């Protein structure tokens, strides 16, 4: 079932308490609490996730991110829509991103 494109108008940016590090071929997200890293909640994301993360600048809409991914990765639209929204939901539930208002 196609995803409602109205859902692709949100803009996201990393939460201010997350540090991003690229180590070798992996991108790692580390939540920070106070001055300490929460080593129990380290997140490793793959190449596609790292591409999405890099585009989450608070200015690009989900639709713009989706379009950029379509140009780089060979994946069907329905699968891309589902995967993108699932990834955003996981980041949101883990408090790694925050929605930006226009």
N, C-alpha and C. Protein backbone atom coordinates (compact mmCIF):
# COMPACT_ATOMS: atom_id res chain seq x y z
N UNK A 1 0.84 -1.18 0.00
CA UNK A 1 0.00 0.00 0.00
C UNK A 1 0.89 1.24 0.00
N UNK A 2 0.68 2.19 -0.92
CA UNK A 2 1.49 3.40 -0.97
C UNK A 2 1.32 4.25 0.30
N UNK A 3 2.38 4.92 0.64
CA UNK A 3 2.37 5.79 1.81
C UNK A 3 1.80 7.14 1.42
N UNK A 4 1.01 7.73 2.31
CA UNK A 4 0.45 9.06 2.07
C UNK A 4 1.59 10.07 2.00
N UNK A 5 1.73 10.77 0.86
CA UNK A 5 2.86 11.68 0.69
C UNK A 5 2.79 12.89 1.61
N UNK A 6 1.66 13.16 2.21
CA UNK A 6 1.58 14.25 3.18
C UNK A 6 2.53 13.99 4.35
N UNK A 7 2.81 12.73 4.62
CA UNK A 7 3.71 12.38 5.71
C UNK A 7 5.15 12.79 5.42
N UNK A 8 5.45 13.15 4.20
CA UNK A 8 6.82 13.45 3.81
C UNK A 8 7.15 14.94 3.85
N UNK A 9 6.36 15.72 4.56
CA UNK A 9 6.59 17.16 4.63
C UNK A 9 7.33 17.58 5.90
N UNK A 10 7.58 16.66 6.79
CA UNK A 10 8.26 17.01 8.04
C UNK A 10 9.74 17.24 7.80
N UNK A 11 10.31 18.05 8.68
CA UNK A 11 11.75 18.34 8.65
C UNK A 11 12.33 17.90 9.99
N UNK A 12 13.48 17.26 9.94
CA UNK A 12 14.11 16.71 11.13
C UNK A 12 15.55 17.21 11.25
N UNK A 13 16.02 17.26 12.48
CA UNK A 13 17.44 17.52 12.72
C UNK A 13 17.87 16.64 13.90
N UNK A 14 19.16 16.36 13.98
CA UNK A 14 19.64 15.56 15.12
C UNK A 14 19.34 16.28 16.44
N UNK A 15 19.01 15.50 17.45
CA UNK A 15 18.86 16.08 18.78
C UNK A 15 20.19 16.65 19.22
N UNK A 16 20.16 17.68 19.99
CA UNK A 16 21.41 18.34 20.38
C UNK A 16 22.26 17.50 21.32
N UNK A 17 21.71 16.43 21.85
CA UNK A 17 22.47 15.58 22.77
C UNK A 17 22.99 14.29 22.10
N UNK A 18 23.20 14.35 20.79
CA UNK A 18 23.72 13.18 20.07
C UNK A 18 25.02 13.56 19.36
N UNK A 19 26.03 12.72 19.54
CA UNK A 19 27.31 12.91 18.85
C UNK A 19 27.40 11.85 17.76
N UNK A 20 27.84 12.26 16.58
CA UNK A 20 27.99 11.36 15.45
C UNK A 20 29.47 11.16 15.16
N UNK A 21 29.86 9.91 14.98
CA UNK A 21 31.24 9.59 14.62
C UNK A 21 31.24 8.57 13.51
N UNK A 22 32.12 8.78 12.53
CA UNK A 22 32.32 7.79 11.47
C UNK A 22 33.62 7.07 11.78
N UNK A 23 33.50 5.77 11.95
CA UNK A 23 34.66 4.93 12.25
C UNK A 23 34.70 3.84 11.20
N UNK A 24 35.75 3.88 10.41
CA UNK A 24 35.89 2.94 9.30
C UNK A 24 34.69 3.11 8.37
N UNK A 25 33.91 2.07 8.14
CA UNK A 25 32.76 2.14 7.24
C UNK A 25 31.44 2.31 8.00
N UNK A 26 31.50 2.53 9.30
CA UNK A 26 30.28 2.63 10.09
C UNK A 26 30.08 4.05 10.62
N UNK A 27 28.82 4.43 10.71
CA UNK A 27 28.46 5.69 11.36
C UNK A 27 27.82 5.34 12.69
N UNK A 28 28.32 5.96 13.74
CA UNK A 28 27.87 5.66 15.09
C UNK A 28 27.24 6.90 15.70
N UNK A 29 26.06 6.70 16.31
CA UNK A 29 25.35 7.77 17.01
C UNK A 29 25.44 7.48 18.50
N UNK A 30 25.93 8.46 19.26
CA UNK A 30 26.12 8.28 20.70
C UNK A 30 25.33 9.35 21.44
N UNK A 31 24.28 8.95 22.17
CA UNK A 31 23.55 9.91 22.98
C UNK A 31 24.41 10.37 24.17
N UNK A 32 24.33 11.65 24.49
CA UNK A 32 25.08 12.23 25.60
C UNK A 32 24.09 12.72 26.65
N UNK A 33 24.39 12.41 27.89
CA UNK A 33 23.58 12.89 29.00
C UNK A 33 24.51 13.62 29.96
N UNK A 34 24.29 14.92 30.08
CA UNK A 34 25.23 15.73 30.86
C UNK A 34 26.56 15.75 30.11
N UNK A 35 27.62 15.34 30.78
CA UNK A 35 28.93 15.26 30.15
C UNK A 35 29.34 13.84 29.81
N UNK A 36 28.39 12.91 29.95
CA UNK A 36 28.72 11.50 29.77
C UNK A 36 28.01 10.89 28.57
N UNK A 37 28.71 10.03 27.86
CA UNK A 37 28.10 9.27 26.76
C UNK A 37 27.32 8.11 27.36
N UNK A 38 26.15 7.85 26.83
CA UNK A 38 25.35 6.71 27.26
C UNK A 38 25.80 5.50 26.46
N UNK A 39 26.78 4.78 26.95
CA UNK A 39 27.39 3.67 26.22
C UNK A 39 26.44 2.48 26.08
N UNK A 40 25.34 2.48 26.82
CA UNK A 40 24.36 1.41 26.70
C UNK A 40 23.44 1.62 25.50
N UNK A 41 23.45 2.82 24.94
CA UNK A 41 22.54 3.16 23.85
C UNK A 41 23.29 3.67 22.62
N UNK A 42 24.36 3.04 22.24
CA UNK A 42 25.08 3.43 21.03
C UNK A 42 24.35 2.82 19.83
N UNK A 43 24.20 3.62 18.78
CA UNK A 43 23.50 3.18 17.58
C UNK A 43 24.47 3.17 16.41
N UNK A 44 24.48 2.09 15.66
CA UNK A 44 25.29 1.99 14.45
C UNK A 44 24.33 1.97 13.27
N UNK A 45 24.59 2.83 12.29
CA UNK A 45 23.70 2.89 11.13
C UNK A 45 24.49 2.57 9.86
N UNK A 46 23.79 1.98 8.91
CA UNK A 46 24.43 1.57 7.65
C UNK A 46 24.58 2.76 6.70
N UNK A 47 25.04 2.48 5.50
CA UNK A 47 25.32 3.53 4.51
C UNK A 47 24.07 4.35 4.18
N UNK A 48 22.94 3.66 4.00
CA UNK A 48 21.70 4.38 3.67
C UNK A 48 21.27 5.23 4.86
N UNK A 49 21.31 4.65 6.06
CA UNK A 49 20.96 5.40 7.27
C UNK A 49 21.86 6.61 7.46
N UNK A 50 23.15 6.44 7.17
CA UNK A 50 24.10 7.55 7.30
C UNK A 50 23.79 8.65 6.29
N UNK A 51 23.33 8.26 5.10
CA UNK A 51 22.94 9.25 4.10
C UNK A 51 21.73 10.05 4.58
N UNK A 52 20.76 9.35 5.13
CA UNK A 52 19.57 10.03 5.66
C UNK A 52 19.97 10.95 6.79
N UNK A 53 20.78 10.44 7.72
CA UNK A 53 21.22 11.22 8.88
C UNK A 53 21.91 12.51 8.43
N UNK A 54 22.77 12.41 7.44
CA UNK A 54 23.51 13.57 6.96
C UNK A 54 22.59 14.62 6.34
N UNK A 55 21.48 14.18 5.78
CA UNK A 55 20.54 15.11 5.16
C UNK A 55 19.55 15.73 6.16
N UNK A 56 19.50 15.19 7.36
CA UNK A 56 18.58 15.72 8.37
C UNK A 56 19.17 16.98 9.00
N UNK A 57 19.02 18.07 8.28
CA UNK A 57 19.60 19.33 8.72
C UNK A 57 18.56 20.33 9.22
N UNK A 58 17.31 19.88 9.30
CA UNK A 58 16.24 20.75 9.75
C UNK A 58 15.67 21.60 8.64
N UNK A 59 16.28 21.55 7.47
CA UNK A 59 15.82 22.35 6.33
C UNK A 59 15.19 21.48 5.25
N UNK A 60 15.76 20.32 5.02
CA UNK A 60 15.23 19.42 3.99
C UNK A 60 14.00 18.69 4.52
N UNK A 61 12.98 18.60 3.66
CA UNK A 61 11.80 17.83 4.02
C UNK A 61 12.09 16.35 3.80
N UNK A 62 11.24 15.52 4.36
CA UNK A 62 11.35 14.09 4.12
C UNK A 62 11.25 13.81 2.61
N UNK A 63 10.42 14.58 1.92
CA UNK A 63 10.25 14.41 0.47
C UNK A 63 11.56 14.68 -0.26
N UNK A 64 12.29 15.71 0.16
CA UNK A 64 13.58 16.02 -0.47
C UNK A 64 14.61 14.94 -0.18
N UNK A 65 14.60 14.43 1.03
CA UNK A 65 15.50 13.32 1.39
C UNK A 65 15.17 12.10 0.56
N UNK A 66 13.88 11.81 0.46
CA UNK A 66 13.41 10.67 -0.33
C UNK A 66 13.88 10.78 -1.78
N UNK A 67 13.74 11.95 -2.37
CA UNK A 67 14.14 12.17 -3.76
C UNK A 67 15.65 11.95 -3.94
N UNK A 68 16.44 12.46 -2.99
CA UNK A 68 17.89 12.27 -3.05
C UNK A 68 18.26 10.79 -2.95
N UNK A 69 17.58 10.05 -2.09
CA UNK A 69 17.85 8.62 -1.94
C UNK A 69 17.50 7.86 -3.21
N UNK A 70 16.40 8.24 -3.86
CA UNK A 70 15.99 7.59 -5.10
C UNK A 70 17.05 7.74 -6.19
N UNK A 71 17.75 8.86 -6.17
CA UNK A 71 18.77 9.10 -7.19
C UNK A 71 20.05 8.30 -6.95
N UNK A 72 20.27 7.88 -5.71
CA UNK A 72 21.51 7.19 -5.37
C UNK A 72 21.34 5.68 -5.23
N UNK A 73 20.23 5.26 -4.64
CA UNK A 73 20.03 3.85 -4.33
C UNK A 73 18.97 3.24 -5.24
N UNK A 74 19.22 2.03 -5.65
CA UNK A 74 18.30 1.31 -6.53
C UNK A 74 17.28 0.56 -5.66
N UNK A 75 16.14 1.22 -5.41
CA UNK A 75 15.09 0.63 -4.59
C UNK A 75 13.74 1.14 -5.09
N UNK A 76 12.72 0.29 -5.00
CA UNK A 76 11.38 0.69 -5.42
C UNK A 76 10.80 1.77 -4.52
N UNK A 77 9.89 2.57 -5.06
CA UNK A 77 9.32 3.69 -4.31
C UNK A 77 8.62 3.24 -3.03
N UNK A 78 7.78 2.21 -3.13
CA UNK A 78 7.04 1.76 -1.95
C UNK A 78 7.99 1.28 -0.86
N UNK A 79 9.02 0.53 -1.25
CA UNK A 79 9.99 0.04 -0.27
C UNK A 79 10.77 1.19 0.35
N UNK A 80 11.16 2.15 -0.48
CA UNK A 80 11.89 3.32 0.02
C UNK A 80 11.03 4.11 1.00
N UNK A 81 9.76 4.33 0.66
CA UNK A 81 8.86 5.06 1.55
C UNK A 81 8.75 4.36 2.90
N UNK A 82 8.53 3.06 2.86
CA UNK A 82 8.38 2.29 4.11
C UNK A 82 9.67 2.34 4.93
N UNK A 83 10.80 2.08 4.26
CA UNK A 83 12.08 2.05 4.98
C UNK A 83 12.43 3.42 5.56
N UNK A 84 12.18 4.48 4.80
CA UNK A 84 12.49 5.82 5.29
C UNK A 84 11.64 6.17 6.50
N UNK A 85 10.35 5.93 6.41
CA UNK A 85 9.47 6.25 7.54
C UNK A 85 9.78 5.37 8.76
N UNK A 86 10.11 4.10 8.53
CA UNK A 86 10.49 3.22 9.65
C UNK A 86 11.77 3.72 10.32
N UNK A 87 12.75 4.12 9.52
CA UNK A 87 14.01 4.61 10.07
C UNK A 87 13.79 5.89 10.87
N UNK A 88 13.00 6.81 10.32
CA UNK A 88 12.70 8.06 11.03
C UNK A 88 11.99 7.75 12.34
N UNK A 89 11.06 6.82 12.31
CA UNK A 89 10.33 6.46 13.54
C UNK A 89 11.28 5.88 14.59
N UNK A 90 12.22 5.05 14.17
CA UNK A 90 13.20 4.48 15.11
C UNK A 90 14.06 5.58 15.72
N UNK A 91 14.50 6.52 14.90
CA UNK A 91 15.30 7.63 15.42
C UNK A 91 14.49 8.48 16.39
N UNK A 92 13.24 8.71 16.04
CA UNK A 92 12.35 9.52 16.89
C UNK A 92 12.11 8.81 18.22
N UNK A 93 11.79 7.52 18.17
CA UNK A 93 11.52 6.76 19.39
C UNK A 93 12.75 6.68 20.30
N UNK A 94 13.93 6.74 19.70
CA UNK A 94 15.18 6.69 20.48
C UNK A 94 15.64 8.08 20.89
N UNK A 95 14.82 9.10 20.58
CA UNK A 95 15.10 10.50 20.94
C UNK A 95 16.40 11.01 20.32
N UNK A 96 16.69 10.56 19.10
CA UNK A 96 17.91 10.97 18.41
C UNK A 96 17.67 12.13 17.45
N UNK A 97 16.41 12.38 17.09
CA UNK A 97 16.07 13.48 16.20
C UNK A 97 14.93 14.29 16.80
N UNK A 98 14.81 15.51 16.29
CA UNK A 98 13.70 16.38 16.71
C UNK A 98 13.10 17.01 15.47
N UNK A 99 11.78 17.15 15.50
CA UNK A 99 11.09 17.76 14.38
C UNK A 99 11.30 19.27 14.40
N UNK A 100 11.50 19.82 13.23
CA UNK A 100 11.68 21.27 13.09
C UNK A 100 10.40 21.87 12.53
N UNK A 101 10.05 23.01 13.04
CA UNK A 101 8.89 23.71 12.51
C UNK A 101 9.36 24.81 11.57
N UNK A 102 8.56 25.07 10.57
CA UNK A 102 8.93 26.07 9.56
C UNK A 102 8.57 27.45 10.03
